[in-house]
Amino acid sequence: MKVPVSVRRLDRDGRALIALKFMLAELHLAALGPIRHSLFNYRFGHGKIGSRG
């Protein structure tokens, strides 16, 4: 099954680090429930220099 996604974050943060974060998030969800804190610190790129809009 193909899932269309942008690979910019994978290229910027590294595939291994993203995979590790996803695995930790899944473990957290299974053991403790939904993530309601900033432990994983997901950056969206707001206020990036040179961003459009």
C-alpha atoms as a PDB file:
ATOM      1  CA  MET A   1       0.000   0.000   0.000  1.00  0.00           C
ATOM      2  CA  LYS A   2       1.510   3.321  -1.071  1.00  0.00           C
ATOM      3  CA  VAL A   3       0.983   6.396   1.067  1.00  0.00           C
ATOM      4  CA  PRO A   4       1.770   9.702  -0.652  1.00  0.00           C
ATOM      5  CA  VAL A   5       3.852  11.889   1.667  1.00  0.00           C
ATOM      6  CA  SER A   6       6.374  14.679   1.364  1.00  0.00           C
ATOM      7  CA  VAL A   7       9.908  13.517   2.099  1.00  0.00           C
ATOM      8  CA  ARG A   8      11.215  16.970   3.043  1.00  0.00           C
ATOM      9  CA  ARG A   9      11.041  16.231   6.787  1.00  0.00           C
ATOM     10  CA  LEU A  10      12.713  12.863   6.231  1.00  0.00           C
ATOM     11  CA  ASP A  11      15.523  14.560   4.327  1.00  0.00           C
ATOM     12  CA  ARG A  12      15.898  17.384   6.865  1.00  0.00           C
ATOM     13  CA  ASP A  13      15.666  15.415  10.143  1.00  0.00           C
ATOM     14  CA  GLY A  14      16.958  12.052   8.958  1.00  0.00           C
ATOM     15  CA  ARG A  15      15.018   8.891   8.314  1.00  0.00           C
ATOM     16  CA  ALA A  16      16.403   7.024  11.343  1.00  0.00           C
ATOM     17  CA  LEU A  17      15.456   9.826  13.760  1.00  0.00           C
ATOM     18  CA  ILE A  18      11.934  10.075  12.310  1.00  0.00           C
ATOM     19  CA  ALA A  19      11.506   6.292  12.519  1.00  0.00           C
ATOM     20  CA  LEU A  20      12.685   6.352  16.151  1.00  0.00           C
ATOM     21  CA  LYS A  21      10.237   9.146  17.013  1.00  0.00           C
ATOM     22  CA  PHE A  22       7.382   7.243  15.353  1.00  0.00           C
ATOM     23  CA  MET A  23       8.225   4.060  17.276  1.00  0.00           C
ATOM     24  CA  LEU A  24       8.441   5.941  20.584  1.00  0.00           C
ATOM     25  CA  ALA A  25       5.133   7.657  19.856  1.00  0.00           C
ATOM     26  CA  GLU A  26       3.470   4.295  19.157  1.00  0.00           C
ATOM     27  CA  LEU A  27       4.878   2.821  22.376  1.00  0.00           C
ATOM     28  CA  HIS A  28       3.648   5.853  24.319  1.00  0.00           C
ATOM     29  CA  LEU A  29       0.205   5.515  22.784  1.00  0.00           C
ATOM     30  CA  ALA A  30       0.021   1.805  23.610  1.00  0.00           C
ATOM     31  CA  ALA A  31       1.351   2.104  27.167  1.00  0.00           C
ATOM     32  CA  LEU A  32       0.231   5.517  28.388  1.00  0.00           C
ATOM     33  CA  GLY A  33      -2.429   6.695  25.962  1.00  0.00           C
ATOM     34  CA  PRO A  34      -2.540   9.816  23.783  1.00  0.00           C
ATOM     35  CA  ILE A  35       0.420  12.200  23.820  1.00  0.00           C
ATOM     36  CA  ARG A  36      -0.660  15.387  25.559  1.00  0.00           C
ATOM     37  CA  HIS A  37       2.738  16.979  26.170  1.00  0.00           C
ATOM     38  CA  SER A  38       5.638  18.289  24.100  1.00  0.00           C
ATOM     39  CA  LEU A  39       7.993  15.355  24.687  1.00  0.00           C
ATOM     40  CA  PHE A  40       8.399  14.737  20.953  1.00  0.00           C
ATOM     41  CA  ASN A  41       8.732  18.450  20.063  1.00  0.00           C
ATOM     42  CA  TYR A  42       7.343  18.371  16.509  1.00  0.00           C
ATOM     43  CA  ARG A  43       8.447  21.457  14.539  1.00  0.00           C
ATOM     44  CA  PHE A  44       6.216  22.773  11.761  1.00  0.00           C
ATOM     45  CA  GLY A  45       8.556  25.378  10.259  1.00  0.00           C
ATOM     46  CA  HIS A  46       6.443  28.384  11.236  1.00  0.00           C
ATOM     47  CA  GLY A  47       8.411  31.617  11.083  1.00  0.00           C
ATOM     48  CA  LYS A  48      11.079  30.051   8.901  1.00  0.00           C
ATOM     49  CA  ILE A  49      13.358  32.570   7.187  1.00  0.00           C
ATOM     50  CA  GLY A  50      12.425  32.871   3.526  1.00  0.00           C
ATOM     51  CA  SER A  51       9.046  31.167   3.941  1.00  0.00           C
ATOM     52  CA  ARG A  52       6.203  32.225   1.699  1.00  0.00           C
ATOM     53  CA  GLY A  53       3.001  33.344   3.396  1.00  0.00           C
END
